[in-house]
Amino acid sequence: MAGKKVLIVYAHQEPKSFNGSLLKIAVEELTKQGCSVTVSDLYAMQFEPRATRNDIVGPLRNSEAFNYGVETWEAYKRGGLSKDVVEEQKKVQEADLLIFQFPLFWFNMPAILKGWMDRVLVQGFAYDLSKAYDGGLLQHGIMHFCGVKVLEPHICYAPENVSEEKRKEMLTAWTQRLKTLWKEEPIDCSPEWYFK
């Protein structure tokens, strides 16, 4: 989709990995479509995953008892977040499409990506906590909670345990999906049990 901006947040240590291949394909295919693609390669950037006082520039609201959520919210409102956080927020704000490319570690994202979400998607920038409980948004997951329209995940199961032929099929499936990604409808992030 020509003119669209894409941000790929990439969380894998090895560029020659299967995840690296998926990233390369995404950059190539989306660029062919006329998209402007930005990659935040968290390991290459040596992105700091720990949410600390260093994320706040200037005085704290309460220097006696540090509360990360409160302090980053206040810092965001006054333009007092650290440079690395602000740079990532700018990339998110400019993006028409976000792709998170990562392996599953213990059924979850790598710690560096969780740290990116904790530090970048702060209150005020990504969500308004004052409205969070009105519609049960906490059950919807990080992206839906932040107001992002979520597409079906693209999962390649255990690429390290399958044949080279099967890995190529996985890469081809990803390439094909990228060609029609802009036509996909968001998925419903509300679990069925929520409405019972």
N, C-alpha and C. Protein backbone atom coordinates (compact mmCIF):
# COMPACT_ATOMS: atom_id res chain seq x y z
N MET A 1 0.86 -1.18 0.00
CA MET A 1 0.00 0.00 0.00
C MET A 1 0.90 1.23 0.00
N ALA A 2 1.03 1.83 -1.15
CA ALA A 2 1.95 2.95 -1.34
C ALA A 2 1.69 4.08 -0.36
N GLY A 3 2.78 4.62 0.15
CA GLY A 3 2.70 5.76 1.05
C GLY A 3 2.46 5.41 2.51
N LYS A 4 2.19 4.17 2.83
CA LYS A 4 1.95 3.77 4.22
C LYS A 4 3.28 3.64 4.96
N LYS A 5 3.25 3.94 6.25
CA LYS A 5 4.44 3.81 7.09
C LYS A 5 4.29 2.58 7.98
N VAL A 6 5.33 1.77 8.00
CA VAL A 6 5.33 0.53 8.77
C VAL A 6 6.47 0.57 9.78
N LEU A 7 6.17 0.21 11.01
CA LEU A 7 7.19 0.03 12.03
C LEU A 7 7.25 -1.44 12.39
N ILE A 8 8.42 -2.04 12.26
CA ILE A 8 8.63 -3.41 12.70
C ILE A 8 9.50 -3.37 13.94
N VAL A 9 8.95 -3.84 15.05
CA VAL A 9 9.71 -3.93 16.29
C VAL A 9 10.23 -5.37 16.34
N TYR A 10 11.53 -5.50 16.20
CA TYR A 10 12.19 -6.79 16.02
C TYR A 10 12.98 -7.16 17.27
N ALA A 11 12.70 -8.36 17.81
CA ALA A 11 13.34 -8.77 19.05
C ALA A 11 13.96 -10.16 18.90
N HIS A 12 15.06 -10.21 18.19
CA HIS A 12 15.83 -11.47 18.10
C HIS A 12 17.31 -11.10 18.02
N GLN A 13 18.14 -11.90 18.68
CA GLN A 13 19.56 -11.60 18.78
C GLN A 13 20.32 -11.88 17.48
N GLU A 14 19.82 -12.80 16.66
CA GLU A 14 20.58 -13.30 15.53
C GLU A 14 19.94 -12.93 14.19
N PRO A 15 20.60 -12.08 13.40
CA PRO A 15 20.05 -11.70 12.10
C PRO A 15 19.89 -12.89 11.14
N LYS A 16 20.69 -13.95 11.30
CA LYS A 16 20.62 -15.10 10.41
C LYS A 16 19.59 -16.13 10.86
N SER A 17 18.82 -15.82 11.88
CA SER A 17 17.80 -16.73 12.41
C SER A 17 16.58 -16.77 11.50
N PHE A 18 15.65 -17.67 11.81
CA PHE A 18 14.38 -17.72 11.08
C PHE A 18 13.63 -16.41 11.26
N ASN A 19 13.65 -15.85 12.47
CA ASN A 19 13.02 -14.55 12.71
C ASN A 19 13.67 -13.48 11.84
N GLY A 20 14.99 -13.57 11.69
CA GLY A 20 15.69 -12.64 10.81
C GLY A 20 15.22 -12.76 9.37
N SER A 21 14.94 -14.00 8.93
CA SER A 21 14.42 -14.22 7.58
C SER A 21 13.03 -13.61 7.43
N LEU A 22 12.19 -13.79 8.43
CA LEU A 22 10.84 -13.20 8.40
C LEU A 22 10.93 -11.67 8.33
N LEU A 23 11.86 -11.10 9.09
CA LEU A 23 12.05 -9.65 9.06
C LEU A 23 12.49 -9.19 7.68
N LYS A 24 13.47 -9.86 7.11
CA LYS A 24 13.99 -9.49 5.79
C LYS A 24 12.88 -9.53 4.74
N ILE A 25 12.07 -10.58 4.78
CA ILE A 25 10.96 -10.71 3.83
C ILE A 25 9.96 -9.57 4.01
N ALA A 26 9.64 -9.25 5.25
CA ALA A 26 8.67 -8.17 5.51
C ALA A 26 9.20 -6.84 4.98
N VAL A 27 10.46 -6.54 5.25
CA VAL A 27 11.03 -5.28 4.78
C VAL A 27 11.01 -5.24 3.24
N GLU A 28 11.44 -6.33 2.60
CA GLU A 28 11.48 -6.37 1.14
C GLU A 28 10.08 -6.26 0.52
N GLU A 29 9.14 -7.06 1.02
CA GLU A 29 7.80 -7.08 0.43
C GLU A 29 7.07 -5.76 0.65
N LEU A 30 7.12 -5.23 1.85
CA LEU A 30 6.41 -3.99 2.13
C LEU A 30 7.05 -2.81 1.39
N THR A 31 8.36 -2.83 1.23
CA THR A 31 9.03 -1.79 0.45
C THR A 31 8.61 -1.87 -1.01
N LYS A 32 8.49 -3.09 -1.55
CA LYS A 32 8.01 -3.28 -2.93
C LYS A 32 6.63 -2.68 -3.11
N GLN A 33 5.81 -2.74 -2.05
CA GLN A 33 4.45 -2.21 -2.11
C GLN A 33 4.43 -0.69 -2.01
N GLY A 34 5.58 -0.07 -1.84
CA GLY A 34 5.66 1.38 -1.74
C GLY A 34 5.58 1.91 -0.32
N CYS A 35 5.68 1.03 0.65
CA CYS A 35 5.64 1.44 2.06
C CYS A 35 7.01 1.96 2.50
N SER A 36 6.99 2.85 3.44
CA SER A 36 8.20 3.28 4.12
C SER A 36 8.33 2.42 5.37
N VAL A 37 9.39 1.61 5.46
CA VAL A 37 9.54 0.64 6.54
C VAL A 37 10.67 1.06 7.48
N THR A 38 10.35 1.14 8.76
CA THR A 38 11.32 1.42 9.81
C THR A 38 11.41 0.19 10.68
N VAL A 39 12.62 -0.20 11.05
CA VAL A 39 12.82 -1.35 11.93
C VAL A 39 13.47 -0.87 13.22
N SER A 40 12.85 -1.19 14.33
CA SER A 40 13.48 -1.01 15.64
C SER A 40 14.02 -2.38 16.03
N ASP A 41 15.30 -2.60 15.76
CA ASP A 41 15.97 -3.86 16.08
C ASP A 41 16.48 -3.73 17.51
N LEU A 42 15.70 -4.22 18.45
CA LEU A 42 15.96 -3.95 19.86
C LEU A 42 17.33 -4.43 20.33
N TYR A 43 17.76 -5.60 19.87
CA TYR A 43 19.08 -6.08 20.28
C TYR A 43 20.19 -5.25 19.64
N ALA A 44 20.09 -4.95 18.37
CA ALA A 44 21.11 -4.15 17.69
C ALA A 44 21.19 -2.74 18.30
N MET A 45 20.03 -2.22 18.73
CA MET A 45 19.97 -0.90 19.35
C MET A 45 20.47 -0.93 20.80
N GLN A 46 20.63 -2.14 21.31
CA GLN A 46 20.92 -2.34 22.74
C GLN A 46 19.87 -1.60 23.58
N PHE A 47 18.62 -1.81 23.19
CA PHE A 47 17.50 -1.16 23.87
C PHE A 47 17.47 -1.57 25.34
N GLU A 48 17.35 -0.62 26.21
CA GLU A 48 17.28 -0.87 27.66
C GLU A 48 15.88 -1.34 28.02
N PRO A 49 15.72 -2.60 28.44
CA PRO A 49 14.38 -3.11 28.74
C PRO A 49 13.87 -2.77 30.14
N ARG A 50 14.76 -2.33 31.02
CA ARG A 50 14.34 -2.09 32.41
C ARG A 50 13.64 -0.74 32.55
N ALA A 51 12.50 -0.75 33.19
CA ALA A 51 11.75 0.47 33.45
C ALA A 51 12.27 1.06 34.77
N THR A 52 13.01 2.18 34.67
CA THR A 52 13.65 2.76 35.86
C THR A 52 13.44 4.27 35.91
N ARG A 53 13.98 4.88 36.96
CA ARG A 53 13.93 6.33 37.10
C ARG A 53 14.62 7.04 35.95
N ASN A 54 15.55 6.34 35.30
CA ASN A 54 16.27 6.96 34.18
C ASN A 54 15.36 7.29 33.00
N ASP A 55 14.14 6.77 33.01
CA ASP A 55 13.19 7.06 31.94
C ASP A 55 12.55 8.44 32.10
N ILE A 56 12.78 9.06 33.24
CA ILE A 56 12.20 10.37 33.52
C ILE A 56 13.31 11.42 33.54
N VAL A 57 13.13 12.48 32.76
CA VAL A 57 14.08 13.58 32.72
C VAL A 57 13.50 14.68 33.60
N GLY A 58 14.30 15.16 34.53
CA GLY A 58 13.83 16.22 35.41
C GLY A 58 13.35 15.67 36.74
N PRO A 59 12.70 16.52 37.51
CA PRO A 59 12.29 16.13 38.86
C PRO A 59 11.15 15.10 38.86
N LEU A 60 11.17 14.27 39.90
CA LEU A 60 10.10 13.29 40.09
C LEU A 60 8.94 13.93 40.82
N ARG A 61 7.77 13.41 40.61
CA ARG A 61 6.58 13.89 41.33
C ARG A 61 6.72 13.55 42.81
N ASN A 62 7.20 12.33 43.09
CA ASN A 62 7.40 11.89 44.46
C ASN A 62 8.74 11.17 44.55
N SER A 63 9.76 11.88 44.98
CA SER A 63 11.10 11.30 45.05
C SER A 63 11.27 10.37 46.25
N GLU A 64 10.32 10.39 47.16
CA GLU A 64 10.39 9.53 48.36
C GLU A 64 9.97 8.08 48.06
N ALA A 65 8.93 7.92 47.24
CA ALA A 65 8.42 6.58 46.91
C ALA A 65 8.16 6.53 45.40
N PHE A 66 9.10 5.94 44.66
CA PHE A 66 9.04 5.92 43.22
C PHE A 66 7.95 4.99 42.73
N ASN A 67 7.06 5.51 41.87
CA ASN A 67 5.99 4.73 41.24
C ASN A 67 6.13 4.96 39.73
N TYR A 68 6.60 3.92 39.03
CA TYR A 68 6.92 4.06 37.61
C TYR A 68 5.72 4.55 36.79
N GLY A 69 4.56 3.97 37.01
CA GLY A 69 3.38 4.36 36.25
C GLY A 69 3.02 5.82 36.43
N VAL A 70 3.01 6.27 37.66
CA VAL A 70 2.67 7.68 37.96
C VAL A 70 3.74 8.61 37.40
N GLU A 71 4.99 8.26 37.62
CA GLU A 71 6.08 9.14 37.20
C GLU A 71 6.18 9.27 35.68
N THR A 72 5.99 8.15 34.95
CA THR A 72 6.07 8.25 33.49
C THR A 72 4.87 8.99 32.92
N TRP A 73 3.71 8.83 33.56
CA TRP A 73 2.53 9.57 33.11
C TRP A 73 2.77 11.07 33.26
N GLU A 74 3.25 11.47 34.44
CA GLU A 74 3.54 12.88 34.68
C GLU A 74 4.63 13.38 33.72
N ALA A 75 5.66 12.56 33.52
CA ALA A 75 6.76 12.95 32.62
C ALA A 75 6.25 13.09 31.18
N TYR A 76 5.38 12.18 30.76
CA TYR A 76 4.83 12.26 29.41
C TYR A 76 4.07 13.58 29.24
N LYS A 77 3.24 13.93 30.21
CA LYS A 77 2.42 15.14 30.11
C LYS A 77 3.27 16.40 29.99
N ARG A 78 4.45 16.40 30.63
CA ARG A 78 5.30 17.60 30.60
C ARG A 78 6.46 17.48 29.62
N GLY A 79 6.47 16.40 28.81
CA GLY A 79 7.55 16.22 27.84
C GLY A 79 8.86 15.83 28.49
N GLY A 80 8.78 15.06 29.56
CA GLY A 80 9.97 14.72 30.32
C GLY A 80 10.37 13.26 30.32
N LEU A 81 10.10 12.55 29.22
CA LEU A 81 10.56 11.16 29.11
C LEU A 81 11.93 11.13 28.46
N SER A 82 12.68 10.08 28.71
CA SER A 82 14.04 9.95 28.16
C SER A 82 14.01 9.93 26.64
N LYS A 83 15.12 10.31 26.04
CA LYS A 83 15.23 10.43 24.58
C LYS A 83 14.91 9.13 23.86
N ASP A 84 15.42 8.00 24.36
CA ASP A 84 15.17 6.73 23.67
C ASP A 84 13.70 6.36 23.67
N VAL A 85 12.99 6.65 24.74
CA VAL A 85 11.55 6.37 24.81
C VAL A 85 10.79 7.29 23.85
N VAL A 86 11.12 8.55 23.84
CA VAL A 86 10.45 9.51 22.96
C VAL A 86 10.67 9.15 21.49
N GLU A 87 11.89 8.71 21.15
CA GLU A 87 12.16 8.32 19.76
C GLU A 87 11.29 7.14 19.33
N GLU A 88 11.12 6.15 20.21
CA GLU A 88 10.28 5.00 19.89
C GLU A 88 8.81 5.40 19.82
N GLN A 89 8.37 6.28 20.71
CA GLN A 89 6.99 6.75 20.66
C GLN A 89 6.70 7.48 19.36
N LYS A 90 7.67 8.26 18.88
CA LYS A 90 7.50 8.97 17.61
C LYS A 90 7.32 7.97 16.47
N LYS A 91 8.12 6.90 16.46
CA LYS A 91 7.99 5.87 15.42
C LYS A 91 6.59 5.24 15.46
N VAL A 92 6.10 4.95 16.67
CA VAL A 92 4.78 4.35 16.82
C VAL A 92 3.71 5.31 16.31
N GLN A 93 3.82 6.56 16.70
CA GLN A 93 2.83 7.56 16.31
C GLN A 93 2.75 7.74 14.80
N GLU A 94 3.87 7.64 14.12
CA GLU A 94 3.92 7.86 12.68
C GLU A 94 3.49 6.62 11.89
N ALA A 95 3.44 5.46 12.52
CA ALA A 95 3.19 4.21 11.80
C ALA A 95 1.70 3.99 11.51
N ASP A 96 1.44 3.50 10.30
CA ASP A 96 0.10 3.04 9.92
C ASP A 96 -0.07 1.57 10.29
N LEU A 97 1.06 0.87 10.40
CA LEU A 97 1.05 -0.56 10.71
C LEU A 97 2.23 -0.87 11.62
N LEU A 98 1.95 -1.60 12.70
CA LEU A 98 2.99 -2.09 13.60
C LEU A 98 3.10 -3.60 13.44
N ILE A 99 4.31 -4.10 13.28
CA ILE A 99 4.56 -5.54 13.25
C ILE A 99 5.54 -5.84 14.37
N PHE A 100 5.18 -6.79 15.21
CA PHE A 100 6.08 -7.25 16.26
C PHE A 100 6.63 -8.59 15.82
N GLN A 101 7.94 -8.67 15.58
CA GLN A 101 8.60 -9.88 15.10
C GLN A 101 9.48 -10.41 16.22
N PHE A 102 9.13 -11.60 16.74
CA PHE A 102 9.88 -12.15 17.86
C PHE A 102 9.63 -13.64 18.01
N PRO A 103 10.56 -14.34 18.65
CA PRO A 103 10.34 -15.75 18.99
C PRO A 103 9.58 -15.84 20.32
N LEU A 104 8.93 -16.95 20.55
CA LEU A 104 8.29 -17.16 21.85
C LEU A 104 9.30 -17.75 22.82
N PHE A 105 9.43 -17.13 23.97
CA PHE A 105 10.26 -17.64 25.06
C PHE A 105 9.33 -17.94 26.22
N TRP A 106 9.24 -19.18 26.62
CA TRP A 106 8.35 -19.57 27.71
C TRP A 106 6.93 -19.07 27.46
N PHE A 107 6.43 -19.27 26.24
CA PHE A 107 5.07 -18.90 25.86
C PHE A 107 4.81 -17.41 25.91
N ASN A 108 5.86 -16.62 25.77
CA ASN A 108 5.72 -15.18 25.86
C ASN A 108 6.76 -14.51 24.97
N MET A 109 6.67 -13.21 24.88
CA MET A 109 7.65 -12.43 24.13
C MET A 109 8.96 -12.36 24.91
N PRO A 110 10.08 -12.13 24.23
CA PRO A 110 11.35 -11.95 24.94
C PRO A 110 11.28 -10.74 25.88
N ALA A 111 12.06 -10.79 26.93
CA ALA A 111 12.06 -9.73 27.94
C ALA A 111 12.35 -8.35 27.34
N ILE A 112 13.23 -8.31 26.35
CA ILE A 112 13.57 -7.01 25.75
C ILE A 112 12.35 -6.37 25.08
N LEU A 113 11.48 -7.18 24.49
CA LEU A 113 10.26 -6.64 23.87
C LEU A 113 9.24 -6.25 24.94
N LYS A 114 9.12 -7.03 25.98
CA LYS A 114 8.24 -6.65 27.09
C LYS A 114 8.70 -5.33 27.69
N GLY A 115 10.02 -5.18 27.82
CA GLY A 115 10.57 -3.91 28.32
C GLY A 115 10.26 -2.75 27.40
N TRP A 116 10.31 -3.00 26.08
CA TRP A 116 9.96 -1.95 25.12
C TRP A 116 8.51 -1.53 25.34
N MET A 117 7.62 -2.50 25.51
CA MET A 117 6.21 -2.18 25.72
C MET A 117 6.01 -1.42 27.02
N ASP A 118 6.67 -1.87 28.09
CA ASP A 118 6.54 -1.20 29.38
C ASP A 118 7.01 0.25 29.31
N ARG A 119 8.11 0.49 28.62
CA ARG A 119 8.72 1.82 28.60
C ARG A 119 8.10 2.75 27.55
N VAL A 120 7.71 2.21 26.39
CA VAL A 120 7.22 3.05 25.30
C VAL A 120 5.72 3.29 25.39
N LEU A 121 4.97 2.28 25.73
CA LEU A 121 3.50 2.39 25.73
C LEU A 121 2.98 2.84 27.09
N VAL A 122 3.43 4.00 27.52
CA VAL A 122 3.07 4.52 28.84
C VAL A 122 1.72 5.22 28.81
N GLN A 123 1.16 5.37 30.01
CA GLN A 123 -0.10 6.08 30.15
C GLN A 123 0.05 7.50 29.62
N GLY A 124 -0.97 7.96 28.96
CA GLY A 124 -0.94 9.29 28.35
C GLY A 124 -0.59 9.16 26.88
N PHE A 125 0.46 8.41 26.57
CA PHE A 125 0.84 8.18 25.17
C PHE A 125 -0.02 7.09 24.54
N ALA A 126 -0.10 5.93 25.18
CA ALA A 126 -0.75 4.77 24.56
C ALA A 126 -2.16 4.49 25.08
N TYR A 127 -2.48 4.96 26.23
CA TYR A 127 -3.80 4.68 26.79
C TYR A 127 -4.15 5.70 27.86
N ASP A 128 -5.44 5.72 28.20
CA ASP A 128 -5.95 6.58 29.26
C ASP A 128 -6.54 5.68 30.33
N LEU A 129 -5.83 5.53 31.41
CA LEU A 129 -6.24 4.59 32.46
C LEU A 129 -7.55 4.98 33.12
N SER A 130 -7.91 6.26 33.05
CA SER A 130 -9.15 6.68 33.69
C SER A 130 -10.37 6.00 33.06
N LYS A 131 -10.24 5.53 31.79
CA LYS A 131 -11.35 4.89 31.12
C LYS A 131 -11.19 3.37 31.04
N ALA A 132 -10.12 2.85 31.59
CA ALA A 132 -9.78 1.44 31.40
C ALA A 132 -10.79 0.48 32.00
N TYR A 133 -11.41 0.86 33.08
CA TYR A 133 -12.29 -0.08 33.75
C TYR A 133 -13.74 0.01 33.26
N ASP A 134 -14.06 1.07 32.52
CA ASP A 134 -15.43 1.25 32.05
C ASP A 134 -15.91 0.13 31.14
N GLY A 135 -15.04 -0.34 30.24
CA GLY A 135 -15.47 -1.35 29.27
C GLY A 135 -14.76 -2.67 29.43
N GLY A 136 -14.09 -2.89 30.56
CA GLY A 136 -13.39 -4.14 30.78
C GLY A 136 -12.16 -4.29 29.90
N LEU A 137 -11.51 -3.19 29.56
CA LEU A 137 -10.40 -3.25 28.61
C LEU A 137 -9.19 -4.03 29.10
N LEU A 138 -9.03 -4.20 30.40
CA LEU A 138 -7.84 -4.90 30.87
C LEU A 138 -7.80 -6.35 30.39
N GLN A 139 -8.91 -6.95 30.05
CA GLN A 139 -8.93 -8.33 29.58
C GLN A 139 -8.55 -8.45 28.10
N HIS A 140 -8.36 -7.39 27.40
CA HIS A 140 -8.20 -7.42 25.95
C HIS A 140 -6.76 -7.55 25.47
N GLY A 141 -5.80 -7.46 26.33
CA GLY A 141 -4.41 -7.55 25.90
C GLY A 141 -3.80 -6.19 25.64
N ILE A 142 -2.48 -6.17 25.55
CA ILE A 142 -1.73 -4.92 25.47
C ILE A 142 -2.15 -4.05 24.29
N MET A 143 -2.15 -4.60 23.10
CA MET A 143 -2.41 -3.78 21.92
C MET A 143 -3.84 -3.25 21.88
N HIS A 144 -4.80 -4.12 22.11
CA HIS A 144 -6.20 -3.69 22.11
C HIS A 144 -6.43 -2.67 23.22
N PHE A 145 -5.80 -2.89 24.35
CA PHE A 145 -5.90 -1.97 25.49
C PHE A 145 -5.43 -0.58 25.09
N CYS A 146 -4.41 -0.52 24.25
CA CYS A 146 -3.85 0.76 23.82
C CYS A 146 -4.57 1.36 22.62
N GLY A 147 -5.66 0.72 22.19
CA GLY A 147 -6.46 1.27 21.10
C GLY A 147 -5.99 0.87 19.71
N VAL A 148 -5.11 -0.11 19.63
CA VAL A 148 -4.61 -0.58 18.35
C VAL A 148 -5.57 -1.62 17.78
N LYS A 149 -5.85 -1.53 16.50
CA LYS A 149 -6.65 -2.57 15.83
C LYS A 149 -5.72 -3.73 15.53
N VAL A 150 -6.05 -4.89 16.06
CA VAL A 150 -5.16 -6.05 16.03
C VAL A 150 -5.55 -7.00 14.90
N LEU A 151 -4.56 -7.39 14.12
CA LEU A 151 -4.77 -8.38 13.07
C LEU A 151 -4.41 -9.76 13.61
N GLU A 152 -4.89 -10.78 12.93
CA GLU A 152 -4.59 -12.16 13.31
C GLU A 152 -3.07 -12.34 13.39
N PRO A 153 -2.56 -12.96 14.46
CA PRO A 153 -1.11 -13.18 14.54
C PRO A 153 -0.66 -14.14 13.43
N HIS A 154 0.56 -13.96 13.00
CA HIS A 154 1.16 -14.90 12.04
C HIS A 154 2.19 -15.71 12.81
N ILE A 155 1.89 -16.97 13.04
CA ILE A 155 2.74 -17.80 13.89
C ILE A 155 3.39 -18.90 13.06
N CYS A 156 4.68 -19.03 13.20
CA CYS A 156 5.44 -20.12 12.56
C CYS A 156 5.86 -21.04 13.71
N TYR A 157 5.23 -22.17 13.79
CA TYR A 157 5.47 -23.08 14.91
C TYR A 157 6.78 -23.84 14.78
N ALA A 158 7.64 -23.69 15.79
CA ALA A 158 8.89 -24.44 15.96
C ALA A 158 9.71 -24.57 14.67
N PRO A 159 10.10 -23.46 14.05
CA PRO A 159 10.87 -23.56 12.81
C PRO A 159 12.20 -24.30 12.98
N GLU A 160 12.72 -24.30 14.19
CA GLU A 160 13.99 -25.00 14.43
C GLU A 160 13.83 -26.52 14.43
N ASN A 161 12.60 -27.00 14.48
CA ASN A 161 12.34 -28.45 14.54
C ASN A 161 11.72 -29.02 13.28
N VAL A 162 11.69 -28.24 12.20
CA VAL A 162 11.09 -28.74 10.96
C VAL A 162 12.15 -28.75 9.85
N SER A 163 11.82 -29.36 8.76
CA SER A 163 12.74 -29.46 7.62
C SER A 163 12.95 -28.10 6.97
N GLU A 164 14.00 -28.01 6.19
CA GLU A 164 14.28 -26.79 5.43
C GLU A 164 13.13 -26.48 4.48
N GLU A 165 12.55 -27.51 3.91
CA GLU A 165 11.41 -27.34 3.01
C GLU A 165 10.23 -26.70 3.74
N LYS A 166 9.95 -27.18 4.94
CA LYS A 166 8.84 -26.63 5.73
C LYS A 166 9.13 -25.18 6.13
N ARG A 167 10.39 -24.86 6.46
CA ARG A 167 10.74 -23.47 6.79
C ARG A 167 10.52 -22.57 5.57
N LYS A 168 10.86 -23.07 4.39
CA LYS A 168 10.63 -22.28 3.17
C LYS A 168 9.14 -22.06 2.94
N GLU A 169 8.33 -23.08 3.24
CA GLU A 169 6.88 -22.92 3.13
C GLU A 169 6.38 -21.84 4.10
N MET A 170 6.94 -21.82 5.31
CA MET A 170 6.55 -20.81 6.29
C MET A 170 6.90 -19.41 5.79
N LEU A 171 8.10 -19.27 5.21
CA LEU A 171 8.52 -17.97 4.69
C LEU A 171 7.65 -17.54 3.51
N THR A 172 7.29 -18.49 2.66
CA THR A 172 6.41 -18.19 1.53
C THR A 172 5.03 -17.76 2.01
N ALA A 173 4.52 -18.44 3.03
CA ALA A 173 3.21 -18.07 3.59
C ALA A 173 3.24 -16.65 4.15
N TRP A 174 4.34 -16.27 4.78
CA TRP A 174 4.49 -14.91 5.33
C TRP A 174 4.53 -13.90 4.18
N THR A 175 5.29 -14.21 3.14
CA THR A 175 5.37 -13.33 1.97
C THR A 175 3.98 -13.12 1.37
N GLN A 176 3.22 -14.20 1.21
CA GLN A 176 1.87 -14.11 0.63
C GLN A 176 0.95 -13.28 1.52
N ARG A 177 1.06 -13.46 2.82
CA ARG A 177 0.20 -12.70 3.73
C ARG A 177 0.51 -11.21 3.64
N LEU A 178 1.78 -10.88 3.57
CA LEU A 178 2.16 -9.46 3.49
C LEU A 178 1.55 -8.78 2.27
N LYS A 179 1.33 -9.53 1.21
CA LYS A 179 0.76 -8.97 -0.02
C LYS A 179 -0.69 -8.55 0.15
N THR A 180 -1.39 -9.15 1.10
CA THR A 180 -2.82 -8.83 1.30
C THR A 180 -3.11 -8.24 2.68
N LEU A 181 -2.06 -7.94 3.42
CA LEU A 181 -2.20 -7.47 4.80
C LEU A 181 -3.11 -6.26 4.94
N TRP A 182 -3.04 -5.35 3.98
CA TRP A 182 -3.80 -4.11 4.07
C TRP A 182 -5.30 -4.32 3.88
N LYS A 183 -5.69 -5.50 3.43
CA LYS A 183 -7.11 -5.80 3.23
C LYS A 183 -7.72 -6.57 4.40
N GLU A 184 -6.89 -6.99 5.35
CA GLU A 184 -7.38 -7.79 6.47
C GLU A 184 -8.23 -6.96 7.43
N GLU A 185 -9.19 -7.62 8.03
CA GLU A 185 -10.03 -7.00 9.05
C GLU A 185 -9.45 -7.29 10.43
N PRO A 186 -9.53 -6.36 11.35
CA PRO A 186 -9.05 -6.63 12.72
C PRO A 186 -9.83 -7.78 13.36
N ILE A 187 -9.15 -8.48 14.25
CA ILE A 187 -9.82 -9.57 14.97
C ILE A 187 -10.51 -9.03 16.20
N ASP A 188 -11.47 -9.76 16.71
CA ASP A 188 -12.15 -9.41 17.94
C ASP A 188 -11.28 -9.89 19.10
N CYS A 189 -10.80 -8.96 19.88
CA CYS A 189 -9.89 -9.31 20.98
C CYS A 189 -10.62 -9.62 22.28
N SER A 190 -11.92 -9.60 22.26
CA SER A 190 -12.69 -9.89 23.48
C SER A 190 -12.93 -11.39 23.58
N PRO A 191 -12.40 -12.03 24.63
CA PRO A 191 -12.65 -13.47 24.76
C PRO A 191 -14.13 -13.75 25.00
N GLU A 192 -14.60 -14.90 24.50
CA GLU A 192 -16.02 -15.25 24.63
C GLU A 192 -16.49 -15.25 26.08
N TRP A 193 -15.61 -15.72 26.98
CA TRP A 193 -16.02 -15.81 28.38
C TRP A 193 -16.32 -14.44 28.99
N TYR A 194 -15.78 -13.37 28.37
CA TYR A 194 -15.97 -12.04 28.91
C TYR A 194 -17.44 -11.62 28.86
N PHE A 195 -18.17 -12.12 27.87
CA PHE A 195 -19.55 -11.70 27.69
C PHE A 195 -20.55 -12.63 28.36
N LYS A 196 -20.11 -13.67 29.04
CA LYS A 196 -21.03 -14.61 29.70
C LYS A 196 -21.35 -14.17 31.10
